[in-house]
Protein backbone atom coordinates (compact mmCIF):
# COMPACT_ATOMS: atom_id res chain seq x y z
CA MET A 1 151.59 -32.54 -13.05
CA LYS A 2 154.51 -33.90 -15.09
CA TYR A 3 156.61 -34.27 -11.94
CA GLN A 4 153.71 -35.95 -10.11
CA VAL A 5 153.21 -38.46 -12.92
CA ARG A 6 156.92 -39.35 -13.01
CA HIS A 7 157.00 -39.71 -9.23
CA LEU A 8 154.00 -42.04 -9.28
CA ALA A 9 155.46 -44.05 -12.17
CA GLU A 10 158.77 -44.54 -10.37
CA LYS A 11 156.89 -45.50 -7.21
CA SER A 12 154.98 -48.07 -9.27
CA ALA A 13 158.24 -49.49 -10.63
CA LYS A 14 159.68 -49.92 -7.15
CA ALA A 15 156.49 -51.69 -6.02
CA ALA A 16 156.13 -53.98 -9.05
CA ASN A 17 156.58 -57.51 -7.70
CA GLN A 18 154.30 -59.75 -9.75
CA GLY A 19 155.89 -62.23 -12.10
CA SER A 20 159.47 -63.42 -12.29
CA GLY A 21 162.57 -63.13 -14.39
CA ALA A 22 163.36 -59.81 -16.06
CA PHE A 23 159.79 -58.50 -16.10
CA ARG A 24 157.73 -57.51 -13.08
CA ARG A 25 154.15 -56.31 -13.14
CA GLY A 26 152.07 -54.25 -10.77
CA ILE A 27 149.43 -51.56 -10.33
CA CYS A 28 150.12 -48.27 -12.10
CA LEU A 29 149.72 -45.41 -9.64
CA ALA A 30 149.91 -42.83 -12.43
CA CYS A 31 146.83 -44.10 -14.26
CA GLU A 32 144.30 -42.18 -12.15
CA VAL A 33 146.14 -38.90 -12.75
CA ARG A 34 146.52 -39.47 -16.50
CA THR A 35 143.17 -41.12 -17.30
CA GLY A 36 140.92 -40.33 -14.36
CA LYS A 37 140.49 -44.04 -13.63
CA PRO A 38 142.64 -46.24 -11.37
CA ASP A 39 144.47 -49.25 -12.72
CA ARG A 40 142.90 -52.43 -11.35
CA ARG A 41 144.48 -54.95 -13.72
CA GLY A 42 148.18 -54.59 -13.01
CA SER A 43 148.96 -52.84 -16.30
CA PHE A 44 152.40 -51.61 -15.20
CA SER A 45 155.48 -53.48 -16.46
CA PHE A 46 159.04 -52.95 -15.20
CA ASN A 47 162.12 -54.46 -16.84
CA THR A 48 164.58 -55.26 -14.06
CA THR A 49 167.40 -55.75 -16.57
CA THR A 50 167.23 -52.39 -18.34
CA GLY A 51 165.31 -50.24 -15.85
CA TRP A 52 162.69 -49.26 -18.42
CA TYR A 53 159.02 -49.23 -17.42
CA ILE A 54 155.72 -48.80 -19.23
CA CYS A 55 152.03 -48.83 -18.39
CA PHE A 56 149.92 -50.52 -21.03
CA LYS A 57 146.85 -48.58 -19.91
CA CYS A 58 147.91 -44.92 -19.53
CA ALA A 59 151.10 -45.27 -21.66
CA VAL A 60 153.42 -43.64 -19.12
CA ARG A 61 156.95 -44.82 -19.79
CA GLY A 62 160.51 -44.03 -18.80
CA ARG A 63 163.65 -45.36 -17.17
CA LEU A 64 164.08 -45.61 -13.43
CA ASP A 65 167.24 -43.86 -12.22
CA GLY A 66 169.36 -46.06 -9.98
CA PHE A 67 167.24 -49.09 -10.85
CA GLU A 68 170.11 -51.47 -10.01
CA ASP A 69 169.78 -50.62 -6.30
CA VAL A 70 166.01 -51.05 -6.49
CA VAL A 71 166.35 -54.46 -8.13
CA ARG A 72 168.82 -55.65 -5.50
CA GLU A 73 166.28 -54.89 -2.80
CA MET A 74 163.43 -56.66 -4.56
CA VAL A 75 162.34 -59.96 -3.07
CA GLU A 76 162.39 -62.66 -5.71
CA PRO A 77 158.91 -64.24 -5.77
CA GLU A 78 158.80 -67.94 -5.10
CA ARG A 79 158.35 -70.06 -8.17
CA PRO A 80 158.59 -73.78 -8.85
CA GLU A 81 162.03 -74.97 -9.83
CA MET A 82 162.06 -75.86 -13.48
CA LYS A 83 164.15 -78.84 -14.49
CA PRO A 84 164.15 -81.55 -17.16
CA PRO A 85 161.21 -83.96 -16.93
CA GLU A 86 161.64 -87.45 -15.56
CA GLY A 87 163.08 -89.78 -18.18
CA PHE A 88 164.57 -86.96 -20.28
CA TYR A 89 167.55 -87.66 -22.52
CA GLU A 90 169.27 -85.17 -24.80
CA LEU A 91 169.47 -86.50 -28.33
CA CYS A 92 173.06 -85.41 -28.88
CA ARG A 93 174.58 -85.77 -25.41
CA GLY A 94 175.25 -88.39 -22.78
CA ASP A 95 173.18 -91.56 -22.74
CA GLY A 96 170.80 -90.17 -25.37
CA LYS A 97 173.44 -89.84 -28.08
CA GLY A 98 172.84 -92.65 -30.54
CA ALA A 99 170.34 -94.44 -28.27
CA TYR A 100 168.11 -96.64 -30.43
CA SER A 101 165.10 -96.11 -28.13
CA LEU A 102 165.13 -92.41 -29.08
CA GLU A 103 165.00 -93.09 -32.81
CA PRO A 104 161.23 -92.23 -33.04
CA ALA A 105 162.09 -88.74 -31.76
CA ARG A 106 164.76 -88.35 -34.44
CA VAL A 107 162.36 -89.58 -37.12
CA TYR A 108 159.74 -87.08 -35.96
CA LEU A 109 162.18 -84.16 -36.07
CA ARG A 110 163.42 -85.09 -39.53
CA GLY A 111 159.81 -85.37 -40.66
CA ARG A 112 159.33 -81.76 -39.54
CA GLY A 113 162.27 -80.72 -41.70
CA LEU A 114 164.65 -80.42 -38.73
CA THR A 115 167.47 -82.56 -40.09
CA ASN A 116 170.44 -80.60 -38.75
CA GLU A 117 171.79 -82.46 -35.72
CA GLY A 118 173.97 -79.47 -34.93
CA LEU A 119 170.72 -77.58 -34.29
CA TRP A 120 169.50 -80.41 -32.06
CA ALA A 121 172.65 -80.07 -29.96
CA GLU A 122 172.57 -76.26 -29.81
CA ALA A 123 168.89 -76.21 -28.80
CA ARG A 124 169.50 -79.17 -26.45
CA LEU A 125 166.58 -81.12 -27.90
CA GLY A 126 165.69 -84.33 -26.15
CA ALA A 127 162.95 -86.85 -25.59
CA CYS A 128 161.29 -89.03 -22.97
CA ILE A 129 160.76 -92.73 -23.48
CA ASP A 130 158.94 -93.34 -20.20
CA GLY A 131 157.15 -91.42 -17.45
CA PHE A 132 154.40 -88.81 -17.81
CA TYR A 133 155.99 -87.30 -20.95
CA ALA A 134 156.74 -90.62 -22.63
CA SER A 135 156.79 -90.69 -26.45
CA ARG A 136 157.39 -86.96 -26.69
CA VAL A 137 160.13 -84.76 -28.09
CA VAL A 138 161.13 -82.29 -25.36
CA VAL A 139 162.18 -78.78 -26.36
CA PRO A 140 163.82 -77.00 -23.39
CA VAL A 141 162.88 -73.36 -22.85
CA LEU A 142 166.07 -71.81 -21.53
CA SER A 143 167.13 -68.40 -20.30
CA PRO A 144 170.02 -66.68 -22.14
CA ASP A 145 172.22 -68.08 -19.34
CA GLY A 146 171.06 -71.64 -19.94
CA GLU A 147 168.69 -71.88 -16.96
CA TRP A 148 165.65 -74.11 -17.43
CA LEU A 149 162.50 -71.94 -17.53
CA GLY A 150 160.30 -74.82 -18.62
CA PHE A 151 159.88 -76.99 -21.68
CA VAL A 152 157.48 -77.98 -24.43
CA ALA A 153 156.78 -81.70 -24.86
CA ARG A 154 155.52 -82.61 -28.35
CA ALA A 155 154.04 -86.05 -28.94
CA TRP A 156 155.57 -87.91 -31.85
CA THR A 157 152.57 -90.21 -32.15
CA LYS A 158 149.18 -89.20 -33.56
CA LYS A 159 147.46 -91.18 -30.79
CA ALA A 160 148.11 -88.47 -28.18
CA ASP A 161 144.97 -86.61 -27.08
CA VAL A 162 147.03 -83.47 -26.33
CA PRO A 163 149.85 -82.87 -28.83
CA TYR A 164 151.69 -80.29 -26.70
CA LEU A 165 152.27 -80.40 -22.94
CA TYR A 166 153.89 -77.83 -20.61
CA PRO A 167 155.13 -78.42 -17.06
CA ARG A 168 152.98 -77.27 -14.18
CA GLY A 169 154.04 -73.86 -12.88
CA MET A 170 155.81 -72.75 -16.06
CA ASN A 171 155.54 -68.97 -16.44
CA ARG A 172 154.67 -68.72 -20.13
CA ARG A 173 153.47 -65.11 -19.86
CA ASP A 174 156.93 -63.75 -19.05
CA THR A 175 158.84 -66.22 -21.22
CA LEU A 176 159.95 -66.24 -24.85
CA TYR A 177 161.42 -69.35 -26.40
CA ASN A 178 164.99 -68.59 -27.56
CA HIS A 179 165.03 -65.21 -25.79
CA ALA A 180 168.78 -65.11 -26.45
CA ALA A 181 168.01 -64.20 -30.09
CA LEU A 182 166.75 -60.82 -28.90
CA LEU A 183 170.14 -59.93 -27.44
CA VAL A 184 172.03 -60.18 -30.74
CA ARG A 185 172.93 -56.80 -32.23
CA THR A 186 172.42 -57.17 -35.97
CA GLU A 187 170.38 -55.75 -38.83
CA ARG A 188 169.19 -59.27 -39.61
CA PRO A 189 165.57 -59.47 -38.43
CA VAL A 190 164.33 -61.77 -35.71
CA PHE A 191 161.09 -63.60 -36.47
CA VAL A 192 158.26 -63.84 -33.95
CA VAL A 193 156.33 -67.10 -34.27
CA GLU A 194 153.79 -68.95 -32.16
CA GLY A 195 155.36 -72.32 -31.37
CA VAL A 196 158.76 -73.89 -30.74
CA MET A 197 158.74 -76.01 -33.90
CA ASP A 198 158.32 -72.87 -36.01
CA ALA A 199 161.17 -71.21 -34.10
CA LEU A 200 163.43 -74.23 -34.61
CA ALA A 201 162.71 -74.13 -38.36
CA LEU A 202 164.03 -70.53 -38.42
CA TRP A 203 166.84 -71.11 -35.91
CA PRO A 204 168.63 -69.13 -34.58
CA ASP A 205 166.73 -66.05 -35.80
CA ALA A 206 163.33 -66.65 -34.22
CA VAL A 207 161.57 -66.49 -30.88
CA ALA A 208 158.27 -68.16 -30.00
CA VAL A 209 155.57 -66.57 -27.85
CA LEU A 210 154.14 -70.00 -26.93
CA GLY A 211 150.58 -68.91 -27.69
CA LYS A 212 149.26 -65.36 -27.82
CA PRO A 213 151.74 -62.49 -27.20
CA SER A 214 151.62 -61.09 -23.66
CA ASP A 215 152.49 -57.57 -22.54
CA PRO A 216 155.89 -58.55 -21.07
CA GLN A 217 156.75 -60.35 -24.31
CA VAL A 218 155.79 -57.29 -26.36
CA TRP A 219 157.97 -55.09 -24.17
CA ALA A 220 160.93 -57.43 -24.67
CA LEU A 221 160.43 -57.31 -28.44
CA ALA A 222 160.14 -53.52 -28.38
CA ASP A 223 163.45 -53.32 -26.49
CA CYS A 224 165.23 -55.65 -28.92
CA PRO A 225 168.30 -54.15 -30.73
CA ARG A 226 167.41 -55.79 -34.05
CA PRO A 227 164.42 -55.49 -36.45
CA VAL A 228 161.40 -57.62 -35.62
CA VAL A 229 159.26 -59.47 -38.17
CA VAL A 230 156.04 -61.08 -36.98
CA ALA A 231 155.25 -64.35 -38.77
CA LEU A 232 152.32 -65.95 -36.97
CA ASP A 233 150.39 -68.87 -38.44
CA GLY A 234 148.37 -68.12 -41.57
CA ASP A 235 145.05 -67.97 -39.71
CA ALA A 236 146.40 -65.41 -37.21
CA TRP A 237 147.54 -62.69 -39.63
CA ARG A 238 145.31 -60.02 -38.08
CA GLU A 239 146.94 -60.62 -34.68
CA GLY A 240 150.29 -60.39 -36.44
CA GLU A 241 149.44 -57.02 -37.96
CA GLU A 242 148.29 -55.72 -34.58
CA LEU A 243 151.50 -56.87 -32.90
CA ALA A 244 153.69 -55.30 -35.60
CA LEU A 245 151.80 -52.01 -35.34
CA ARG A 246 152.13 -52.01 -31.58
CA LEU A 247 155.87 -52.54 -31.85
CA GLN A 248 156.13 -49.72 -34.39
CA LEU A 249 154.31 -47.39 -32.00
CA GLU A 250 156.92 -48.32 -29.38
CA GLY A 251 159.67 -47.18 -31.74
CA GLN A 252 160.73 -50.63 -32.95
CA ARG A 253 161.45 -51.29 -36.62
CA ALA A 254 158.89 -54.02 -37.20
CA GLY A 255 156.76 -55.60 -39.88
CA ASN A 256 154.34 -58.45 -40.41
CA VAL A 257 154.49 -61.26 -42.96
CA ARG A 258 151.10 -62.64 -43.92
CA LEU A 259 151.52 -66.36 -44.48
CA PRO A 260 149.26 -68.30 -46.84
CA ALA A 261 146.04 -69.52 -45.24
CA LYS A 262 146.36 -72.59 -43.01
CA MET A 263 150.16 -72.59 -43.29
CA ASP A 264 152.77 -72.28 -40.54
CA PRO A 265 156.22 -70.64 -40.81
CA ASP A 266 157.92 -74.03 -41.03
CA GLU A 267 155.80 -74.93 -44.07
CA VAL A 268 156.91 -72.07 -46.35
CA SER A 269 160.16 -71.49 -48.19
CA ARG A 270 162.82 -69.78 -46.07
CA ARG A 271 163.88 -67.77 -49.11
CA TRP A 272 160.32 -66.52 -49.61
CA LEU A 273 160.01 -65.69 -45.92
CA ASP A 274 163.29 -63.72 -45.93
CA GLU A 275 162.20 -61.78 -49.01
CA GLU A 276 158.82 -60.98 -47.48
CA ALA A 277 160.52 -59.91 -44.26
CA GLN A 278 162.69 -57.38 -46.07
CA ARG A 279 159.72 -56.17 -48.09
CA CYS A 280 157.56 -55.47 -45.04
CA LEU A 281 160.45 -53.79 -43.19
CA ASN A 282 161.14 -51.48 -46.13
CA GLN A 283 157.54 -50.34 -46.63
């Protein structure tokens, strides 16, 4: 039976073609053997970068031998090309550098405690002064190679009906903001937060899940070579505990910091957060 399960799992990995980027999803063919019930929700996840796979239903996991050849034969699913929005200017580059019309964006960022212009340049922060995303700070969501995977547009005026906007077709399920932080080999923990502003406040040691954590995001965190500390908003501490426990069960050194009620990571002291991170990791 063990051989049959492994064979079915590897067959599932080769057939996984849903999603894009490093993570592909599909039906787990081993589920019916292990649980007696077929997988109908596409619970199987395959990491095309590392070759590791896992089913979030029956928990089969392993590494596909010769996965590089399998990945080369995979057909990349069509997805909309992600690029900067119309009217986008980087605050620290080109025509946007020093432009007076972008001053409201700079004022907004400083008001959020993001005063380091070196951070603005590194994160390639920008803004739009006209078009659909006018009067918004634009935070690019980039791959570790610098490819645009989407962006988050945050209104700097309180008059906006929707504070945050995302581009149509952006694959948020398979995307982590500042994914590059997960590739750094260090004992310094990486923080998991909900939104890009929280991640920028903890830059460069934070990633944002852009909402609720998805299975591909969890798998990426579990595969990270550094400790992981979950620091979701104060009203989401139970979800944070669940995520930390799930990562621990996957073999990751992880912990959860419970923030004060109704407070976000960018509203607490960094020193306090670092101390709490070490405390929860050493429990």
